[in-house]
Amino acid sequence: MKRPPRDRHADAFFQFLEVERNVSPRTLVNYRHALAEFRKAVPEPAWRELTADHFRRYLFACSKREMARPTIRLHFAALRTFYKFLTQRHGLRDNPLKEVQLPKLEKKLPVFLNAQQIEELLSAPLRVERQSRAPRWMPARDAAILELFYSSGLRLAELVALDVKDVDIFSESVRVLGKGRKERIVPVGAPALEAIQRYRQAARVETASRRPMSGWPSGATCRTPASPCASARTSCGTALPPICSMPARTCAACSRCSAMPAFPPRRSIPTSLPSV
């Protein structure tokens, strides 16, 4: 079977998005899909020879297929960005998409939950019956995910990409790598941090109960350097489970590492200045 010829303009456009614009992988996938779908519907002529009528017919075909309006606008956003790239980098004189008018988005009233529904949603993982093979800490993990999602307002993709080391319980914040691969610090509420601490404690206790005499399972090491023991002044040699992001509190001579420290109290703001 003969392979289709490569589209040098599209390849240059995707390289521009990935290298210069530093777009997210999801955006790159959506733009590739949008251009591929357009080429399936309109295989000819070449990009430089397309007119506004070609795009109007494609818009009509999308509407006839009952494609959702947000999806249509996403496809045409990719096409508009592509033609803007052609005009700026490849000397295209006229952008035919400037003459194409897209359907407006439907305005719907937002659906919201009251306070009681929010409480029921956040506590749902703790009320669901756990499966026999599921780990005991799984309800605490799911509750921590919902609490953090509600408290921080992160995007779903940002929440999924989080790691334990990104949460700082002492500064009450979380480090997020968002759209455009830009890093930001997001404050987190006390209930979410307490839920994360409960999950860490539950996972650590269960992992400790399964630990062999020789130590933790292979590969289960702490993400941060161990703190020296107060008496022996030596670094703790006991490896910690992967969910741990806190320094160990006991030395190698001890049979086990201590439990996670208690949740730190919120910092109080002084009401008066000290006298000079």
C-alpha atoms as a PDB file:
ATOM      1  CA  MET A   1       0.000   0.000   0.000  1.00  0.00           C
ATOM      2  CA  LYS A   2       1.376   3.369  -1.025  1.00  0.00           C
ATOM      3  CA  ARG A   3       1.944   5.758   1.849  1.00  0.00           C
ATOM      4  CA  PRO A   4       0.467   9.260   1.481  1.00  0.00           C
ATOM      5  CA  PRO A   5       3.002  12.032   0.874  1.00  0.00           C
ATOM      6  CA  ARG A   6       4.096  14.047   3.888  1.00  0.00           C
ATOM      7  CA  ASP A   7       2.636  17.489   4.358  1.00  0.00           C
ATOM      8  CA  ARG A   8       5.646  19.742   4.848  1.00  0.00           C
ATOM      9  CA  HIS A   9       3.525  22.754   5.838  1.00  0.00           C
ATOM     10  CA  ALA A  10       1.672  20.772   8.502  1.00  0.00           C
ATOM     11  CA  ASP A  11       4.905  19.214   9.798  1.00  0.00           C
ATOM     12  CA  ALA A  12       6.495  22.655  10.119  1.00  0.00           C
ATOM     13  CA  PHE A  13       3.365  23.922  11.882  1.00  0.00           C
ATOM     14  CA  PHE A  14       3.392  21.120  14.468  1.00  0.00           C
ATOM     15  CA  GLN A  15       7.100  21.630  15.097  1.00  0.00           C
ATOM     16  CA  PHE A  16       6.417  25.342  15.593  1.00  0.00           C
ATOM     17  CA  LEU A  17       3.694  24.557  18.138  1.00  0.00           C
ATOM     18  CA  GLU A  18       5.820  22.071  20.058  1.00  0.00           C
ATOM     19  CA  VAL A  19       9.148  23.915  20.054  1.00  0.00           C
ATOM     20  CA  GLU A  20       8.367  27.633  19.871  1.00  0.00           C
ATOM     21  CA  ARG A  21       4.867  27.863  21.311  1.00  0.00           C
ATOM     22  CA  ASN A  22       5.545  25.113  23.861  1.00  0.00           C
ATOM     23  CA  VAL A  23       1.928  23.936  23.768  1.00  0.00           C
ATOM     24  CA  SER A  24       0.691  21.048  25.859  1.00  0.00           C
ATOM     25  CA  PRO A  25       0.655  17.519  24.421  1.00  0.00           C
ATOM     26  CA  ARG A  26      -3.156  17.539  24.505  1.00  0.00           C
ATOM     27  CA  THR A  27      -3.286  20.713  22.392  1.00  0.00           C
ATOM     28  CA  LEU A  28      -0.886  19.179  19.895  1.00  0.00           C
ATOM     29  CA  VAL A  29      -3.043  16.055  19.619  1.00  0.00           C
ATOM     30  CA  ASN A  30      -6.201  18.136  19.112  1.00  0.00           C
ATOM     31  CA  TYR A  31      -4.604  20.260  16.381  1.00  0.00           C
ATOM     32  CA  ARG A  32      -3.277  17.208  14.563  1.00  0.00           C
ATOM     33  CA  HIS A  33      -6.716  15.636  14.689  1.00  0.00           C
ATOM     34  CA  ALA A  34      -8.407  18.807  13.441  1.00  0.00           C
ATOM     35  CA  LEU A  35      -6.131  19.136  10.400  1.00  0.00           C
ATOM     36  CA  ALA A  36      -6.403  15.409   9.642  1.00  0.00           C
ATOM     37  CA  GLU A  37     -10.210  15.520   9.776  1.00  0.00           C
ATOM     38  CA  PHE A  38     -10.291  18.493   7.434  1.00  0.00           C
ATOM     39  CA  ARG A  39      -7.996  16.740   4.959  1.00  0.00           C
ATOM     40  CA  LYS A  40     -10.239  13.677   5.000  1.00  0.00           C
ATOM     41  CA  ALA A  41     -13.220  15.825   4.051  1.00  0.00           C
ATOM     42  CA  VAL A  42     -11.310  18.118   1.661  1.00  0.00           C
ATOM     43  CA  PRO A  43      -8.314  16.201   0.264  1.00  0.00           C
ATOM     44  CA  GLU A  44      -7.732  18.703  -2.538  1.00  0.00           C
ATOM     45  CA  PRO A  45      -6.505  21.296  -3.414  1.00  0.00           C
ATOM     46  CA  ALA A  46      -3.294  22.255  -1.603  1.00  0.00           C
ATOM     47  CA  TRP A  47      -3.362  24.465   1.467  1.00  0.00           C
ATOM     48  CA  ARG A  48      -2.344  27.573  -0.489  1.00  0.00           C
ATOM     49  CA  GLU A  49      -5.117  27.074  -3.044  1.00  0.00           C
ATOM     50  CA  LEU A  50      -8.007  26.656  -0.629  1.00  0.00           C
ATOM     51  CA  THR A  51     -10.664  29.368  -0.597  1.00  0.00           C
ATOM     52  CA  ALA A  52     -13.272  30.479   1.905  1.00  0.00           C
ATOM     53  CA  ASP A  53     -15.908  28.402   0.076  1.00  0.00           C
ATOM     54  CA  HIS A  54     -13.998  25.199   0.862  1.00  0.00           C
ATOM     55  CA  PHE A  55     -14.112  25.986   4.566  1.00  0.00           C
ATOM     56  CA  ARG A  56     -17.790  26.996   4.421  1.00  0.00           C
ATOM     57  CA  ARG A  57     -18.660  23.648   2.839  1.00  0.00           C
ATOM     58  CA  TYR A  58     -16.624  21.865   5.506  1.00  0.00           C
ATOM     59  CA  LEU A  59     -18.461  23.845   8.204  1.00  0.00           C
ATOM     60  CA  PHE A  60     -21.794  22.828   6.673  1.00  0.00           C
ATOM     61  CA  ALA A  61     -20.690  19.174   6.563  1.00  0.00           C
ATOM     62  CA  CYS A  62     -19.723  19.290  10.265  1.00  0.00           C
ATOM     63  CA  SER A  63     -23.101  20.771  11.173  1.00  0.00           C
ATOM     64  CA  LYS A  64     -24.874  18.152   9.078  1.00  0.00           C
ATOM     65  CA  ARG A  65     -23.053  15.423  11.030  1.00  0.00           C
ATOM     66  CA  GLU A  66     -24.492  16.998  14.203  1.00  0.00           C
ATOM     67  CA  MET A  67     -21.044  17.794  15.541  1.00  0.00           C
ATOM     68  CA  ALA A  68     -21.150  19.797  18.745  1.00  0.00           C
ATOM     69  CA  ARG A  69     -20.524  23.503  18.405  1.00  0.00           C
ATOM     70  CA  PRO A  70     -17.550  23.534  20.808  1.00  0.00           C
ATOM     71  CA  THR A  71     -15.936  20.768  18.732  1.00  0.00           C
ATOM     72  CA  ILE A  72     -16.537  22.716  15.511  1.00  0.00           C
ATOM     73  CA  ARG A  73     -14.994  25.826  17.009  1.00  0.00           C
ATOM     74  CA  LEU A  74     -12.011  23.795  18.260  1.00  0.00           C
ATOM     75  CA  HIS A  75     -11.388  22.413  14.751  1.00  0.00           C
ATOM     76  CA  PHE A  76     -11.582  25.852  13.193  1.00  0.00           C
ATOM     77  CA  ALA A  77      -9.369  27.330  15.904  1.00  0.00           C
ATOM     78  CA  ALA A  78      -6.687  24.849  14.835  1.00  0.00           C
ATOM     79  CA  LEU A  79      -7.220  25.751  11.162  1.00  0.00           C
ATOM     80  CA  ARG A  80      -7.057  29.481  11.905  1.00  0.00           C
ATOM     81  CA  THR A  81      -3.845  29.080  13.877  1.00  0.00           C
ATOM     82  CA  PHE A  82      -2.413  27.028  11.011  1.00  0.00           C
ATOM     83  CA  TYR A  83      -3.262  29.673   8.407  1.00  0.00           C
ATOM     84  CA  LYS A  84      -1.912  32.421  10.619  1.00  0.00           C
ATOM     85  CA  PHE A  85       1.327  30.447  10.704  1.00  0.00           C
ATOM     86  CA  LEU A  86       1.299  30.162   6.887  1.00  0.00           C
ATOM     87  CA  THR A  87       0.811  33.908   6.441  1.00  0.00           C
ATOM     88  CA  GLN A  88       3.565  34.824   8.907  1.00  0.00           C
ATOM     89  CA  ARG A  89       6.159  32.155   8.098  1.00  0.00           C
ATOM     90  CA  HIS A  90       5.467  30.955   4.551  1.00  0.00           C
ATOM     91  CA  GLY A  91       4.394  34.085   2.717  1.00  0.00           C
ATOM     92  CA  LEU A  92       0.698  33.313   2.225  1.00  0.00           C
ATOM     93  CA  ARG A  93      -0.990  36.550   1.147  1.00  0.00           C
ATOM     94  CA  ASP A  94      -4.615  36.063   2.133  1.00  0.00           C
ATOM     95  CA  ASN A  95      -6.096  34.063   4.984  1.00  0.00           C
ATOM     96  CA  PRO A  96      -9.360  32.536   3.679  1.00  0.00           C
ATOM     97  CA  LEU A  97     -10.610  31.750   7.178  1.00  0.00           C
ATOM     98  CA  LYS A  98     -11.078  35.450   7.910  1.00  0.00           C
ATOM     99  CA  GLU A  99     -14.184  35.328   5.720  1.00  0.00           C
ATOM    100  CA  VAL A 100     -15.726  32.325   7.498  1.00  0.00           C
ATOM    101  CA  GLN A 101     -18.203  33.026  10.303  1.00  0.00           C
ATOM    102  CA  LEU A 102     -18.538  30.302  12.930  1.00  0.00           C
ATOM    103  CA  PRO A 103     -21.700  29.432  14.885  1.00  0.00           C
ATOM    104  CA  LYS A 104     -21.900  31.004  18.313  1.00  0.00           C
ATOM    105  CA  LEU A 105     -21.755  28.890  21.439  1.00  0.00           C
ATOM    106  CA  GLU A 106     -24.976  28.174  23.251  1.00  0.00           C
ATOM    107  CA  LYS A 107     -25.336  30.037  26.525  1.00  0.00           C
ATOM    108  CA  LYS A 108     -26.516  27.731  29.288  1.00  0.00           C
ATOM    109  CA  LEU A 109     -27.101  28.431  32.949  1.00  0.00           C
ATOM    110  CA  PRO A 110     -24.417  26.836  35.120  1.00  0.00           C
ATOM    111  CA  VAL A 111     -25.310  23.805  37.218  1.00  0.00           C
ATOM    112  CA  PHE A 112     -24.198  24.169  40.836  1.00  0.00           C
ATOM    113  CA  LEU A 113     -24.297  22.116  44.015  1.00  0.00           C
ATOM    114  CA  ASN A 114     -25.417  23.314  47.405  1.00  0.00           C
ATOM    115  CA  ALA A 115     -23.372  22.912  50.579  1.00  0.00           C
ATOM    116  CA  GLN A 116     -25.016  19.623  51.592  1.00  0.00           C
ATOM    117  CA  GLN A 117     -24.403  18.074  48.170  1.00  0.00           C
ATOM    118  CA  ILE A 118     -20.772  19.161  48.299  1.00  0.00           C
ATOM    119  CA  GLU A 119     -20.322  17.500  51.686  1.00  0.00           C
ATOM    120  CA  GLU A 120     -21.904  14.281  50.412  1.00  0.00           C
ATOM    121  CA  LEU A 121     -19.681  14.322  47.322  1.00  0.00           C
ATOM    122  CA  LEU A 122     -16.465  14.852  49.264  1.00  0.00           C
ATOM    123  CA  SER A 123     -17.287  12.089  51.749  1.00  0.00           C
ATOM    124  CA  ALA A 124     -18.546   9.619  49.121  1.00  0.00           C
ATOM    125  CA  PRO A 125     -15.262   7.628  48.844  1.00  0.00           C
ATOM    126  CA  LEU A 126     -15.338   6.928  52.590  1.00  0.00           C
ATOM    127  CA  ARG A 127     -18.914   5.583  52.393  1.00  0.00           C
ATOM    128  CA  VAL A 128     -18.475   3.311  49.370  1.00  0.00           C
ATOM    129  CA  GLU A 129     -17.949  -0.366  50.160  1.00  0.00           C
ATOM    130  CA  ARG A 130     -14.341  -1.324  49.448  1.00  0.00           C
ATOM    131  CA  GLN A 131     -13.651  -4.270  47.179  1.00  0.00           C
ATOM    132  CA  SER A 132     -11.818  -7.233  48.649  1.00  0.00           C
ATOM    133  CA  ARG A 133      -8.666  -6.778  46.565  1.00  0.00           C
ATOM    134  CA  ALA A 134      -8.539  -3.010  46.905  1.00  0.00           C
ATOM    135  CA  PRO A 135      -5.941  -1.627  49.345  1.00  0.00           C
ATOM    136  CA  ARG A 136      -7.215  -0.250  52.621  1.00  0.00           C
ATOM    137  CA  TRP A 137      -5.864   3.217  51.899  1.00  0.00           C
ATOM    138  CA  MET A 138      -7.799   3.593  48.623  1.00  0.00           C
ATOM    139  CA  PRO A 139     -10.841   5.376  50.158  1.00  0.00           C
ATOM    140  CA  ALA A 140      -8.537   7.849  51.895  1.00  0.00           C
ATOM    141  CA  ARG A 141      -6.709   8.456  48.610  1.00  0.00           C
ATOM    142  CA  ASP A 142      -9.935   9.091  46.686  1.00  0.00           C
ATOM    143  CA  ALA A 143     -11.177  11.432  49.411  1.00  0.00           C
ATOM    144  CA  ALA A 144      -7.881  13.349  49.282  1.00  0.00           C
ATOM    145  CA  ILE A 145      -8.196  13.694  45.497  1.00  0.00           C
ATOM    146  CA  LEU A 146     -11.709  15.133  45.747  1.00  0.00           C
ATOM    147  CA  GLU A 147     -10.765  17.482  48.594  1.00  0.00           C
ATOM    148  CA  LEU A 148      -7.759  18.793  46.667  1.00  0.00           C
ATOM    149  CA  PHE A 149      -9.800  19.157  43.475  1.00  0.00           C
ATOM    150  CA  TYR A 150     -12.458  21.158  45.316  1.00  0.00           C
ATOM    151  CA  SER A 151     -10.033  23.245  47.356  1.00  0.00           C
ATOM    152  CA  SER A 152      -7.533  24.256  44.667  1.00  0.00           C
ATOM    153  CA  GLY A 153      -9.647  24.525  41.507  1.00  0.00           C
ATOM    154  CA  LEU A 154      -7.026  22.694  39.441  1.00  0.00           C
ATOM    155  CA  ARG A 155      -7.696  21.419  35.966  1.00  0.00           C
ATOM    156  CA  LEU A 156      -8.333  17.686  35.788  1.00  0.00           C
ATOM    157  CA  ALA A 157      -5.150  17.073  33.773  1.00  0.00           C
ATOM    158  CA  GLU A 158      -3.145  19.065  36.345  1.00  0.00           C
ATOM    159  CA  LEU A 159      -4.636  17.055  39.193  1.00  0.00           C
ATOM    160  CA  VAL A 160      -3.809  13.746  37.526  1.00  0.00           C
ATOM    161  CA  ALA A 161      -0.201  14.830  36.889  1.00  0.00           C
ATOM    162  CA  LEU A 162       0.443  15.799  40.532  1.00  0.00           C
ATOM    163  CA  ASP A 163       2.970  13.911  42.633  1.00  0.00           C
ATOM    164  CA  VAL A 164       3.335  13.672  46.395  1.00  0.00           C
ATOM    165  CA  LYS A 165       6.418  15.882  46.347  1.00  0.00           C
ATOM    166  CA  ASP A 166       4.394  18.709  44.741  1.00  0.00           C
ATOM    167  CA  VAL A 167       2.321  19.199  47.916  1.00  0.00           C
ATOM    168  CA  ASP A 168       3.883  21.340  50.634  1.00  0.00           C
ATOM    169  CA  ILE A 169       1.881  21.041  53.848  1.00  0.00           C
ATOM    170  CA  PHE A 170       3.945  23.669  55.675  1.00  0.00           C
ATOM    171  CA  SER A 171       3.384  26.457  53.132  1.00  0.00           C
ATOM    172  CA  GLU A 172      -0.145  25.127  52.498  1.00  0.00           C
ATOM    173  CA  SER A 173       0.330  25.106  48.735  1.00  0.00           C
ATOM    174  CA  VAL A 174       0.819  22.825  45.754  1.00  0.00           C
ATOM    175  CA  ARG A 175       3.212  23.239  42.822  1.00  0.00           C
ATOM    176  CA  VAL A 176       1.428  22.755  39.484  1.00  0.00           C
ATOM    177  CA  LEU A 177       2.693  22.437  35.925  1.00  0.00           C
ATOM    178  CA  GLY A 178      -0.169  23.905  33.909  1.00  0.00           C
ATOM    179  CA  LYS A 179      -0.986  24.909  30.349  1.00  0.00           C
ATOM    180  CA  GLY A 180       1.976  25.890  28.236  1.00  0.00           C
ATOM    181  CA  ARG A 181       4.131  23.949  30.719  1.00  0.00           C
ATOM    182  CA  LYS A 182       4.126  26.950  33.027  1.00  0.00           C
ATOM    183  CA  GLU A 183       4.692  26.315  36.700  1.00  0.00           C
ATOM    184  CA  ARG A 184       2.632  28.045  39.374  1.00  0.00           C
ATOM    185  CA  ILE A 185       2.015  27.793  43.105  1.00  0.00           C
ATOM    186  CA  VAL A 186      -1.609  27.264  44.159  1.00  0.00           C
ATOM    187  CA  PRO A 187      -2.808  27.692  47.766  1.00  0.00           C
ATOM    188  CA  VAL A 188      -4.638  24.737  49.303  1.00  0.00           C
ATOM    189  CA  GLY A 189      -7.165  24.757  52.131  1.00  0.00           C
ATOM    190  CA  ALA A 190      -6.676  23.032  55.468  1.00  0.00           C
ATOM    191  CA  PRO A 191      -9.348  20.308  54.922  1.00  0.00           C
ATOM    192  CA  ALA A 192      -7.606  19.168  51.734  1.00  0.00           C
ATOM    193  CA  LEU A 193      -4.197  19.071  53.425  1.00  0.00           C
ATOM    194  CA  GLU A 194      -5.640  17.101  56.328  1.00  0.00           C
ATOM    195  CA  ALA A 195      -7.151  14.603  53.866  1.00  0.00           C
ATOM    196  CA  ILE A 196      -3.770  14.219  52.163  1.00  0.00           C
ATOM    197  CA  GLN A 197      -2.113  13.609  55.521  1.00  0.00           C
ATOM    198  CA  ARG A 198      -4.707  10.962  56.415  1.00  0.00           C
ATOM    199  CA  TYR A 199      -4.039   9.213  53.103  1.00  0.00           C
ATOM    200  CA  ARG A 200      -0.273   9.302  53.672  1.00  0.00           C
ATOM    201  CA  GLN A 201      -0.673   7.913  57.160  1.00  0.00           C
ATOM    202  CA  ALA A 202      -3.047   5.126  56.054  1.00  0.00           C
ATOM    203  CA  ALA A 203      -0.826   4.101  53.152  1.00  0.00           C
ATOM    204  CA  ARG A 204       2.278   4.160  55.315  1.00  0.00           C
ATOM    205  CA  VAL A 205       0.763   2.032  58.069  1.00  0.00           C
ATOM    206  CA  GLU A 206      -0.476  -0.619  55.618  1.00  0.00           C
ATOM    207  CA  THR A 207       2.843  -0.726  53.784  1.00  0.00           C
ATOM    208  CA  ALA A 208       4.696  -1.044  57.097  1.00  0.00           C
ATOM    209  CA  SER A 209       2.559  -4.024  58.105  1.00  0.00           C
ATOM    210  CA  ARG A 210       3.618  -5.859  54.938  1.00  0.00           C
ATOM    211  CA  ARG A 211       7.338  -5.026  55.253  1.00  0.00           C
ATOM    212  CA  PRO A 212       9.699  -8.035  55.292  1.00  0.00           C
ATOM    213  CA  MET A 213      12.382  -8.352  57.941  1.00  0.00           C
ATOM    214  CA  SER A 214      15.089  -7.176  55.553  1.00  0.00           C
ATOM    215  CA  GLY A 215      13.391  -3.814  54.994  1.00  0.00           C
ATOM    216  CA  TRP A 216      10.954  -2.269  52.538  1.00  0.00           C
ATOM    217  CA  PRO A 217      10.337  -3.919  49.143  1.00  0.00           C
ATOM    218  CA  SER A 218      12.811  -3.242  46.364  1.00  0.00           C
ATOM    219  CA  GLY A 219      12.397   0.189  44.827  1.00  0.00           C
ATOM    220  CA  ALA A 220      10.331   1.602  47.701  1.00  0.00           C
ATOM    221  CA  THR A 221      12.626   4.377  48.769  1.00  0.00           C
ATOM    222  CA  CYS A 222      11.945   7.741  50.249  1.00  0.00           C
ATOM    223  CA  ARG A 223      11.867  10.720  47.865  1.00  0.00           C
ATOM    224  CA  THR A 224      13.733  12.989  50.296  1.00  0.00           C
ATOM    225  CA  PRO A 225      16.997  12.515  52.236  1.00  0.00           C
ATOM    226  CA  ALA A 226      16.604  10.984  55.645  1.00  0.00           C
ATOM    227  CA  SER A 227      17.167  13.193  58.665  1.00  0.00           C
ATOM    228  CA  PRO A 228      19.873  12.224  61.183  1.00  0.00           C
ATOM    229  CA  CYS A 229      18.859  10.516  64.381  1.00  0.00           C
ATOM    230  CA  ALA A 230      19.049  12.827  67.377  1.00  0.00           C
ATOM    231  CA  SER A 231      20.996  10.295  69.461  1.00  0.00           C
ATOM    232  CA  ALA A 232      23.256   8.521  66.961  1.00  0.00           C
ATOM    233  CA  ARG A 233      23.725  11.515  64.594  1.00  0.00           C
ATOM    234  CA  THR A 234      23.627   9.096  61.684  1.00  0.00           C
ATOM    235  CA  SER A 235      21.380   9.045  58.676  1.00  0.00           C
ATOM    236  CA  CYS A 236      18.361   6.771  58.811  1.00  0.00           C
ATOM    237  CA  GLY A 237      18.985   3.672  56.727  1.00  0.00           C
ATOM    238  CA  THR A 238      15.416   2.402  56.619  1.00  0.00           C
ATOM    239  CA  ALA A 239      13.819   2.844  53.195  1.00  0.00           C
ATOM    240  CA  LEU A 240      10.323   4.334  53.098  1.00  0.00           C
ATOM    241  CA  PRO A 241       7.321   3.515  50.883  1.00  0.00           C
ATOM    242  CA  PRO A 242       6.810   5.609  47.726  1.00  0.00           C
ATOM    243  CA  ILE A 243       4.007   7.647  49.278  1.00  0.00           C
ATOM    244  CA  CYS A 244       6.382   9.213  51.783  1.00  0.00           C
ATOM    245  CA  SER A 245       7.680  12.691  51.038  1.00  0.00           C
ATOM    246  CA  MET A 246       8.794  13.585  54.555  1.00  0.00           C
ATOM    247  CA  PRO A 247      12.200  12.920  56.137  1.00  0.00           C
ATOM    248  CA  ALA A 248      12.497   9.905  58.389  1.00  0.00           C
ATOM    249  CA  ARG A 249      12.693  10.460  62.132  1.00  0.00           C
ATOM    250  CA  THR A 250      14.638   7.430  63.362  1.00  0.00           C
ATOM    251  CA  CYS A 251      18.066   5.997  62.681  1.00  0.00           C
ATOM    252  CA  ALA A 252      19.090   2.657  61.164  1.00  0.00           C
ATOM    253  CA  ALA A 253      19.405   1.112  64.605  1.00  0.00           C
ATOM    254  CA  CYS A 254      15.662   1.463  65.127  1.00  0.00           C
ATOM    255  CA  SER A 255      13.429  -1.311  63.836  1.00  0.00           C
ATOM    256  CA  ARG A 256      11.094   1.033  62.012  1.00  0.00           C
ATOM    257  CA  CYS A 257      10.660   4.623  60.924  1.00  0.00           C
ATOM    258  CA  SER A 258       8.316   6.801  62.922  1.00  0.00           C
ATOM    259  CA  ALA A 259       4.861   7.788  61.731  1.00  0.00           C
ATOM    260  CA  MET A 260       4.188  10.933  59.751  1.00  0.00           C
ATOM    261  CA  PRO A 261       4.261  14.108  61.830  1.00  0.00           C
ATOM    262  CA  ALA A 262       0.967  15.574  62.868  1.00  0.00           C
ATOM    263  CA  PHE A 263      -0.694  18.155  60.677  1.00  0.00           C
ATOM    264  CA  PRO A 264       1.002  21.486  61.403  1.00  0.00           C
ATOM    265  CA  PRO A 265      -1.125  24.202  62.978  1.00  0.00           C
ATOM    266  CA  ARG A 266      -2.132  27.137  60.812  1.00  0.00           C
ATOM    267  CA  ARG A 267       0.126  30.134  61.160  1.00  0.00           C
ATOM    268  CA  SER A 268      -1.461  32.847  63.268  1.00  0.00           C
ATOM    269  CA  ILE A 269      -1.205  36.500  62.291  1.00  0.00           C
ATOM    270  CA  PRO A 270      -0.065  38.749  65.156  1.00  0.00           C
ATOM    271  CA  THR A 271      -2.670  41.305  66.140  1.00  0.00           C
ATOM    272  CA  SER A 272      -0.181  43.813  67.538  1.00  0.00           C
ATOM    273  CA  LEU A 273       3.349  44.828  66.786  1.00  0.00           C
ATOM    274  CA  PRO A 274       6.102  44.157  69.372  1.00  0.00           C
ATOM    275  CA  SER A 275       7.285  47.125  71.348  1.00  0.00           C
ATOM    276  CA  VAL A 276      10.644  48.618  70.361  1.00  0.00           C
END
